[in-house]
C-alpha atoms as a PDB file:
ATOM      1  CA  UNK A   1     -14.489  -4.239  -9.250  1.00  0.00           C
ATOM      2  CA  UNK A   2     -15.302  -4.257  -5.545  1.00  0.00           C
ATOM      3  CA  UNK A   3     -13.389  -5.703  -2.641  1.00  0.00           C
ATOM      4  CA  UNK A   4     -15.105  -8.740  -1.149  1.00  0.00           C
ATOM      5  CA  UNK A   5     -14.940 -10.462   2.194  1.00  0.00           C
ATOM      6  CA  UNK A   6     -15.552 -13.869   0.649  1.00  0.00           C
ATOM      7  CA  UNK A   7     -13.036 -16.678   0.406  1.00  0.00           C
ATOM      8  CA  UNK A   8     -11.459 -19.069   2.838  1.00  0.00           C
ATOM      9  CA  UNK A   9      -8.258 -18.077   4.607  1.00  0.00           C
ATOM     10  CA  UNK A  10      -5.393 -20.442   3.897  1.00  0.00           C
ATOM     11  CA  UNK A  11      -2.389 -20.544   6.217  1.00  0.00           C
ATOM     12  CA  UNK A  12       0.760 -20.377   4.100  1.00  0.00           C
ATOM     13  CA  UNK A  13       4.326 -20.990   5.355  1.00  0.00           C
ATOM     14  CA  UNK A  14       6.406 -17.808   5.190  1.00  0.00           C
ATOM     15  CA  UNK A  15       9.800 -17.561   3.494  1.00  0.00           C
ATOM     16  CA  UNK A  16      12.785 -17.130   5.796  1.00  0.00           C
ATOM     17  CA  UNK A  17      13.797 -13.509   6.553  1.00  0.00           C
ATOM     18  CA  UNK A  18      16.124 -12.410   3.774  1.00  0.00           C
ATOM     19  CA  UNK A  19      17.124  -9.797   1.232  1.00  0.00           C
ATOM     20  CA  UNK A  20      15.452 -10.249  -2.146  1.00  0.00           C
ATOM     21  CA  UNK A  21      14.569  -8.356  -5.312  1.00  0.00           C
ATOM     22  CA  UNK A  22      11.262  -6.525  -5.078  1.00  0.00           C
ATOM     23  CA  UNK A  23       9.133  -4.138  -7.089  1.00  0.00           C
ATOM     24  CA  UNK A  24       6.758  -1.419  -5.951  1.00  0.00           C
ATOM     25  CA  UNK A  25       3.237  -1.946  -7.281  1.00  0.00           C
ATOM     26  CA  UNK A  26       1.024   0.046  -4.906  1.00  0.00           C
ATOM     27  CA  UNK A  27       1.213   3.529  -3.391  1.00  0.00           C
ATOM     28  CA  UNK A  28      -1.745   4.672  -1.314  1.00  0.00           C
ATOM     29  CA  UNK A  29      -2.117   8.097   0.253  1.00  0.00           C
ATOM     30  CA  UNK A  30      -4.123   7.184   3.353  1.00  0.00           C
ATOM     31  CA  UNK A  31      -4.687  10.801   4.323  1.00  0.00           C
ATOM     32  CA  UNK A  32      -4.769  12.665   7.617  1.00  0.00           C
ATOM     33  CA  UNK A  33      -5.701  10.196  10.341  1.00  0.00           C
ATOM     34  CA  UNK A  34      -5.772  10.232  14.167  1.00  0.00           C
ATOM     35  CA  UNK A  35      -2.588   9.167  15.943  1.00  0.00           C
ATOM     36  CA  UNK A  36      -3.497   6.979  18.914  1.00  0.00           C
ATOM     37  CA  UNK A  37      -0.676   5.922  21.250  1.00  0.00           C
ATOM     38  CA  UNK A  38      -1.567   3.610  24.144  1.00  0.00           C
ATOM     39  CA  UNK A  39      -5.173   4.713  23.879  1.00  0.00           C
ATOM     40  CA  UNK A  40      -4.325   8.420  23.948  1.00  0.00           C
ATOM     41  CA  UNK A  41      -5.107  10.696  20.993  1.00  0.00           C
ATOM     42  CA  UNK A  42      -1.879  12.458  20.008  1.00  0.00           C
ATOM     43  CA  UNK A  43      -3.364  14.522  17.198  1.00  0.00           C
ATOM     44  CA  UNK A  44      -3.265  13.690  13.500  1.00  0.00           C
ATOM     45  CA  UNK A  45      -0.701  12.754  10.879  1.00  0.00           C
ATOM     46  CA  UNK A  46      -0.735  12.539   7.081  1.00  0.00           C
ATOM     47  CA  UNK A  47       0.055   8.909   6.207  1.00  0.00           C
ATOM     48  CA  UNK A  48       0.789   6.781   3.156  1.00  0.00           C
ATOM     49  CA  UNK A  49       1.538   3.109   2.557  1.00  0.00           C
ATOM     50  CA  UNK A  50       3.915   1.692  -0.045  1.00  0.00           C
ATOM     51  CA  UNK A  51       3.672  -1.972  -1.050  1.00  0.00           C
ATOM     52  CA  UNK A  52       6.214  -4.119  -2.863  1.00  0.00           C
ATOM     53  CA  UNK A  53       5.867  -7.578  -4.357  1.00  0.00           C
ATOM     54  CA  UNK A  54       8.726 -10.079  -4.101  1.00  0.00           C
ATOM     55  CA  UNK A  55       8.427 -12.041  -7.352  1.00  0.00           C
ATOM     56  CA  UNK A  56      11.050 -14.662  -6.488  1.00  0.00           C
ATOM     57  CA  UNK A  57       9.149 -15.630  -3.344  1.00  0.00           C
ATOM     58  CA  UNK A  58       5.765 -17.094  -4.209  1.00  0.00           C
ATOM     59  CA  UNK A  59       3.039 -19.295  -2.779  1.00  0.00           C
ATOM     60  CA  UNK A  60      -0.531 -20.362  -3.531  1.00  0.00           C
ATOM     61  CA  UNK A  61      -2.854 -18.165  -1.455  1.00  0.00           C
ATOM     62  CA  UNK A  62      -5.880 -18.853  -3.663  1.00  0.00           C
ATOM     63  CA  UNK A  63      -6.203 -22.081  -5.651  1.00  0.00           C
ATOM     64  CA  UNK A  64      -8.001 -20.243  -8.455  1.00  0.00           C
ATOM     65  CA  UNK A  65      -5.133 -17.767  -8.895  1.00  0.00           C
ATOM     66  CA  UNK A  66      -2.232 -20.172  -8.498  1.00  0.00           C
ATOM     67  CA  UNK A  67       1.221 -18.932  -7.506  1.00  0.00           C
ATOM     68  CA  UNK A  68       1.388 -15.296  -6.393  1.00  0.00           C
ATOM     69  CA  UNK A  69       4.258 -13.284  -4.921  1.00  0.00           C
ATOM     70  CA  UNK A  70       4.556 -12.469  -1.247  1.00  0.00           C
ATOM     71  CA  UNK A  71       4.152  -8.748  -0.594  1.00  0.00           C
ATOM     72  CA  UNK A  72       5.304  -6.355   2.104  1.00  0.00           C
ATOM     73  CA  UNK A  73       4.004  -2.896   2.938  1.00  0.00           C
ATOM     74  CA  UNK A  74       5.397   0.083   4.815  1.00  0.00           C
ATOM     75  CA  UNK A  75       3.354   2.880   6.387  1.00  0.00           C
ATOM     76  CA  UNK A  76       5.039   6.282   6.497  1.00  0.00           C
ATOM     77  CA  UNK A  77       4.272   9.895   7.257  1.00  0.00           C
ATOM     78  CA  UNK A  78       3.663  11.582   3.898  1.00  0.00           C
ATOM     79  CA  UNK A  79       6.320  14.286   4.224  1.00  0.00           C
ATOM     80  CA  UNK A  80       9.240  15.344   2.030  1.00  0.00           C
ATOM     81  CA  UNK A  81      11.136  16.936   4.919  1.00  0.00           C
ATOM     82  CA  UNK A  82      14.757  15.804   4.619  1.00  0.00           C
ATOM     83  CA  UNK A  83      14.547  14.185   8.074  1.00  0.00           C
ATOM     84  CA  UNK A  84      11.335  12.297   7.288  1.00  0.00           C
ATOM     85  CA  UNK A  85      11.269   8.526   6.935  1.00  0.00           C
ATOM     86  CA  UNK A  86       9.977   8.916   3.372  1.00  0.00           C
ATOM     87  CA  UNK A  87      12.976  11.075   2.419  1.00  0.00           C
ATOM     88  CA  UNK A  88      15.371   8.559   3.973  1.00  0.00           C
ATOM     89  CA  UNK A  89      13.629   5.671   2.212  1.00  0.00           C
ATOM     90  CA  UNK A  90      13.832   7.330  -1.208  1.00  0.00           C
ATOM     91  CA  UNK A  91      17.500   8.209  -0.669  1.00  0.00           C
ATOM     92  CA  UNK A  92      18.369   4.595   0.195  1.00  0.00           C
ATOM     93  CA  UNK A  93      16.193   3.219  -2.602  1.00  0.00           C
ATOM     94  CA  UNK A  94      17.558   5.247  -5.506  1.00  0.00           C
ATOM     95  CA  UNK A  95      20.892   6.407  -4.107  1.00  0.00           C
ATOM     96  CA  UNK A  96      20.155  10.130  -3.941  1.00  0.00           C
ATOM     97  CA  UNK A  97      17.955  12.372  -1.756  1.00  0.00           C
ATOM     98  CA  UNK A  98      14.963  14.446  -2.747  1.00  0.00           C
ATOM     99  CA  UNK A  99      15.852  17.364  -4.989  1.00  0.00           C
ATOM    100  CA  UNK A 100      14.793  20.870  -3.959  1.00  0.00           C
ATOM    101  CA  UNK A 101      11.965  20.604  -6.490  1.00  0.00           C
ATOM    102  CA  UNK A 102      10.804  17.239  -5.127  1.00  0.00           C
ATOM    103  CA  UNK A 103      10.779  18.620  -1.597  1.00  0.00           C
ATOM    104  CA  UNK A 104       8.221  21.191  -2.731  1.00  0.00           C
ATOM    105  CA  UNK A 105       5.971  18.455  -4.073  1.00  0.00           C
ATOM    106  CA  UNK A 106       6.647  14.764  -4.666  1.00  0.00           C
ATOM    107  CA  UNK A 107       4.457  12.647  -6.942  1.00  0.00           C
ATOM    108  CA  UNK A 108       4.204   9.244  -5.218  1.00  0.00           C
ATOM    109  CA  UNK A 109       3.139   7.483  -8.418  1.00  0.00           C
ATOM    110  CA  UNK A 110       6.738   7.628  -9.715  1.00  0.00           C
ATOM    111  CA  UNK A 111       7.553   4.778  -7.317  1.00  0.00           C
ATOM    112  CA  UNK A 112       5.297   2.377  -9.219  1.00  0.00           C
ATOM    113  CA  UNK A 113       7.294  -0.283 -11.055  1.00  0.00           C
ATOM    114  CA  UNK A 114      10.598   0.659  -9.435  1.00  0.00           C
ATOM    115  CA  UNK A 115      12.866  -2.230  -8.475  1.00  0.00           C
ATOM    116  CA  UNK A 116      14.953  -2.579  -5.339  1.00  0.00           C
ATOM    117  CA  UNK A 117      16.667  -4.967  -2.989  1.00  0.00           C
ATOM    118  CA  UNK A 118      14.422  -5.289   0.033  1.00  0.00           C
ATOM    119  CA  UNK A 119      15.157  -6.932   3.354  1.00  0.00           C
ATOM    120  CA  UNK A 120      12.309  -8.223   5.486  1.00  0.00           C
ATOM    121  CA  UNK A 121      12.005  -9.824   8.900  1.00  0.00           C
ATOM    122  CA  UNK A 122       9.313 -11.782  10.744  1.00  0.00           C
ATOM    123  CA  UNK A 123       7.062 -10.269  13.395  1.00  0.00           C
ATOM    124  CA  UNK A 124       4.797 -12.477  15.505  1.00  0.00           C
ATOM    125  CA  UNK A 125       1.174 -11.334  15.504  1.00  0.00           C
ATOM    126  CA  UNK A 126      -0.051  -9.972  18.821  1.00  0.00           C
ATOM    127  CA  UNK A 127      -2.503 -12.812  19.535  1.00  0.00           C
ATOM    128  CA  UNK A 128       0.329 -15.361  19.234  1.00  0.00           C
ATOM    129  CA  UNK A 129       2.905 -13.607  21.426  1.00  0.00           C
ATOM    130  CA  UNK A 130       4.197 -15.935  24.132  1.00  0.00           C
ATOM    131  CA  UNK A 131       2.815 -19.007  22.397  1.00  0.00           C
ATOM    132  CA  UNK A 132       4.843 -21.902  21.046  1.00  0.00           C
ATOM    133  CA  UNK A 133       4.757 -21.735  17.247  1.00  0.00           C
ATOM    134  CA  UNK A 134       5.685 -24.944  15.435  1.00  0.00           C
ATOM    135  CA  UNK A 135       5.408 -23.530  11.915  1.00  0.00           C
ATOM    136  CA  UNK A 136       5.739 -19.897  10.885  1.00  0.00           C
ATOM    137  CA  UNK A 137       2.828 -19.008   8.610  1.00  0.00           C
ATOM    138  CA  UNK A 138       0.884 -15.929   7.581  1.00  0.00           C
ATOM    139  CA  UNK A 139      -1.667 -16.896  10.234  1.00  0.00           C
ATOM    140  CA  UNK A 140       0.675 -16.294  13.186  1.00  0.00           C
ATOM    141  CA  UNK A 141       3.418 -14.114  11.731  1.00  0.00           C
ATOM    142  CA  UNK A 142       3.724 -11.013   9.562  1.00  0.00           C
ATOM    143  CA  UNK A 143       6.358 -10.164   6.985  1.00  0.00           C
ATOM    144  CA  UNK A 144       7.757  -6.799   8.076  1.00  0.00           C
ATOM    145  CA  UNK A 145       9.827  -4.336   6.044  1.00  0.00           C
ATOM    146  CA  UNK A 146      13.339  -3.856   7.427  1.00  0.00           C
ATOM    147  CA  UNK A 147      15.507  -2.031   4.867  1.00  0.00           C
ATOM    148  CA  UNK A 148      15.876  -1.111   1.203  1.00  0.00           C
ATOM    149  CA  UNK A 149      18.687  -0.370  -1.232  1.00  0.00           C
ATOM    150  CA  UNK A 150      19.359   0.108  -4.922  1.00  0.00           C
ATOM    151  CA  UNK A 151      19.286  -3.020  -7.006  1.00  0.00           C
ATOM    152  CA  UNK A 152      22.793  -3.716  -8.357  1.00  0.00           C
ATOM    153  CA  UNK A 153      23.285  -2.962 -12.030  1.00  0.00           C
ATOM    154  CA  UNK A 154      22.608  -6.028 -14.130  1.00  0.00           C
ATOM    155  CA  UNK A 155      20.597  -7.850 -11.463  1.00  0.00           C
ATOM    156  CA  UNK A 156      17.301  -9.049 -12.881  1.00  0.00           C
ATOM    157  CA  UNK A 157      13.902  -8.622 -11.275  1.00  0.00           C
ATOM    158  CA  UNK A 158      11.078 -10.749 -12.735  1.00  0.00           C
ATOM    159  CA  UNK A 159       8.185  -8.925 -14.433  1.00  0.00           C
ATOM    160  CA  UNK A 160       5.499  -7.317 -12.289  1.00  0.00           C
ATOM    161  CA  UNK A 161       2.651  -9.638 -11.302  1.00  0.00           C
ATOM    162  CA  UNK A 162       0.156  -7.497  -9.373  1.00  0.00           C
ATOM    163  CA  UNK A 163      -1.734  -4.690 -11.057  1.00  0.00           C
ATOM    164  CA  UNK A 164      -0.312  -1.233 -10.377  1.00  0.00           C
ATOM    165  CA  UNK A 165      -2.415   0.833  -7.997  1.00  0.00           C
ATOM    166  CA  UNK A 166      -2.185   4.467  -6.865  1.00  0.00           C
ATOM    167  CA  UNK A 167      -4.537   6.392  -4.596  1.00  0.00           C
ATOM    168  CA  UNK A 168      -3.683  10.076  -4.236  1.00  0.00           C
ATOM    169  CA  UNK A 169      -5.891  12.561  -2.387  1.00  0.00           C
ATOM    170  CA  UNK A 170      -4.150  15.671  -3.742  1.00  0.00           C
ATOM    171  CA  UNK A 171      -5.926  15.991  -7.126  1.00  0.00           C
ATOM    172  CA  UNK A 172      -9.268  15.273  -5.425  1.00  0.00           C
ATOM    173  CA  UNK A 173      -8.683  17.905  -2.743  1.00  0.00           C
ATOM    174  CA  UNK A 174      -7.569  20.410  -5.401  1.00  0.00           C
ATOM    175  CA  UNK A 175     -10.681  19.751  -7.485  1.00  0.00           C
ATOM    176  CA  UNK A 176      -8.703  18.382 -10.437  1.00  0.00           C
ATOM    177  CA  UNK A 177     -10.502  15.026 -10.447  1.00  0.00           C
ATOM    178  CA  UNK A 178     -13.611  13.581  -8.782  1.00  0.00           C
ATOM    179  CA  UNK A 179     -13.664  10.952  -6.069  1.00  0.00           C
ATOM    180  CA  UNK A 180     -13.774   7.614  -7.891  1.00  0.00           C
ATOM    181  CA  UNK A 181     -15.558   5.012  -5.805  1.00  0.00           C
ATOM    182  CA  UNK A 182     -14.865   2.181  -8.247  1.00  0.00           C
ATOM    183  CA  UNK A 183     -11.131   2.828  -8.052  1.00  0.00           C
ATOM    184  CA  UNK A 184     -11.292   3.291  -4.273  1.00  0.00           C
ATOM    185  CA  UNK A 185     -12.891  -0.129  -3.848  1.00  0.00           C
ATOM    186  CA  UNK A 186      -9.965  -1.815  -5.609  1.00  0.00           C
ATOM    187  CA  UNK A 187      -8.004  -1.284  -2.397  1.00  0.00           C
ATOM    188  CA  UNK A 188      -7.772  -4.201   0.046  1.00  0.00           C
ATOM    189  CA  UNK A 189     -10.789  -4.073   2.372  1.00  0.00           C
ATOM    190  CA  UNK A 190      -8.686  -3.423   5.496  1.00  0.00           C
ATOM    191  CA  UNK A 191      -7.024  -0.450   3.798  1.00  0.00           C
ATOM    192  CA  UNK A 192     -10.367   0.969   2.698  1.00  0.00           C
ATOM    193  CA  UNK A 193     -11.453   0.955   6.331  1.00  0.00           C
ATOM    194  CA  UNK A 194      -8.277   2.759   7.377  1.00  0.00           C
ATOM    195  CA  UNK A 195      -8.590   5.390   4.650  1.00  0.00           C
ATOM    196  CA  UNK A 196     -12.204   5.964   5.693  1.00  0.00           C
ATOM    197  CA  UNK A 197     -10.929   7.360   9.018  1.00  0.00           C
ATOM    198  CA  UNK A 198      -9.030  10.145   7.237  1.00  0.00           C
ATOM    199  CA  UNK A 199     -10.104  13.778   7.173  1.00  0.00           C
ATOM    200  CA  UNK A 200      -9.904  13.686   3.384  1.00  0.00           C
ATOM    201  CA  UNK A 201     -12.312  10.768   3.062  1.00  0.00           C
ATOM    202  CA  UNK A 202     -14.757  12.286   5.541  1.00  0.00           C
ATOM    203  CA  UNK A 203     -14.813  15.497   3.511  1.00  0.00           C
ATOM    204  CA  UNK A 204     -14.569  14.210  -0.060  1.00  0.00           C
ATOM    205  CA  UNK A 205     -15.534  10.539  -0.080  1.00  0.00           C
ATOM    206  CA  UNK A 206     -18.033   9.743   2.674  1.00  0.00           C
ATOM    207  CA  UNK A 207     -20.945  11.213   0.711  1.00  0.00           C
ATOM    208  CA  UNK A 208     -20.488   8.476  -1.892  1.00  0.00           C
ATOM    209  CA  UNK A 209     -21.197   5.820   0.743  1.00  0.00           C
ATOM    210  CA  UNK A 210     -24.525   7.059   2.102  1.00  0.00           C
ATOM    211  CA  UNK A 211     -26.716   4.249   3.411  1.00  0.00           C
ATOM    212  CA  UNK A 212     -30.161   4.122   1.853  1.00  0.00           C
ATOM    213  CA  UNK A 213     -32.189   3.330   4.962  1.00  0.00           C
ATOM    214  CA  UNK A 214     -35.304   2.398   3.014  1.00  0.00           C
ATOM    215  CA  UNK A 215     -33.697  -0.381   0.974  1.00  0.00           C
ATOM    216  CA  UNK A 216     -30.728  -1.302   3.113  1.00  0.00           C
ATOM    217  CA  UNK A 217     -28.397  -0.798   0.159  1.00  0.00           C
ATOM    218  CA  UNK A 218     -25.681   1.739  -0.419  1.00  0.00           C
ATOM    219  CA  UNK A 219     -26.720   4.723  -2.492  1.00  0.00           C
ATOM    220  CA  UNK A 220     -23.904   6.079  -4.628  1.00  0.00           C
ATOM    221  CA  UNK A 221     -24.084   9.671  -5.924  1.00  0.00           C
ATOM    222  CA  UNK A 222     -21.132   8.597  -8.087  1.00  0.00           C
ATOM    223  CA  UNK A 223     -23.407   6.626 -10.408  1.00  0.00           C
ATOM    224  CA  UNK A 224     -22.729   9.109 -13.212  1.00  0.00           C
ATOM    225  CA  UNK A 225     -19.031   9.473 -12.439  1.00  0.00           C
ATOM    226  CA  UNK A 226     -16.580   9.006 -15.318  1.00  0.00           C
ATOM    227  CA  UNK A 227     -14.966   5.636 -15.894  1.00  0.00           C
ATOM    228  CA  UNK A 228     -11.975   4.986 -13.642  1.00  0.00           C
ATOM    229  CA  UNK A 229      -8.578   5.963 -14.976  1.00  0.00           C
ATOM    230  CA  UNK A 230      -6.384   3.098 -16.163  1.00  0.00           C
ATOM    231  CA  UNK A 231      -3.694   1.794 -13.838  1.00  0.00           C
ATOM    232  CA  UNK A 232      -0.385   3.682 -14.007  1.00  0.00           C
ATOM    233  CA  UNK A 233       2.038   2.228 -16.556  1.00  0.00           C
ATOM    234  CA  UNK A 234       4.611  -0.228 -15.277  1.00  0.00           C
ATOM    235  CA  UNK A 235       8.072   1.329 -15.317  1.00  0.00           C
ATOM    236  CA  UNK A 236      11.104  -0.723 -16.276  1.00  0.00           C
ATOM    237  CA  UNK A 237      12.284  -0.217 -12.723  1.00  0.00           C
ATOM    238  CA  UNK A 238      15.438   1.799 -13.359  1.00  0.00           C
ATOM    239  CA  UNK A 239      14.657   5.459 -14.030  1.00  0.00           C
ATOM    240  CA  UNK A 240      13.839   7.912 -11.293  1.00  0.00           C
END
């Protein structure tokens, strides 16, 4: 499966800011990317993005797919330091901080399928700032993560809708598994472009996207690569 640019954008009204049940379905290790602040390069930072679906809040984004849940993502520095935003997030999410063992090395895939109560807010997109907005939609406004907490015992969260997805550079960097272009291209197109700016992609993935100048097509040395691994299993959302 490959990400495509096709399709017609459909403006969809956004749900009001609120706290709702959510489930993590995607964890992507972006990698080490440049940090640009007000046009100035401030070095690099190892980043990741976590995405949750909110199954009780749905809309039709694509007529062929019918109702789908709204989603919200959060970009963080990929660090287990006790003062890091990731450490604080995990502590709030499951009710306890990283253990000493987890601080030495945390497997991000364990977040897949985990339930939570998630609060989100609205953030007007830059091109619409200062304009009069008559209806808040995904065209002019973003859903932005605000806070997270444990889901109360006994509170139900509907079954997961989106396919689980994990992208982790560590086993590729350590030589434990090859770069899998097919799996990489399951990412949303905009995220692929962001990951392509990382040091890890430049070193381990760029060679699989070499342009064949003679034919104008992309030559993939990964043609003989093994079949992509199946998606991580969906957890019941309770155990950590």
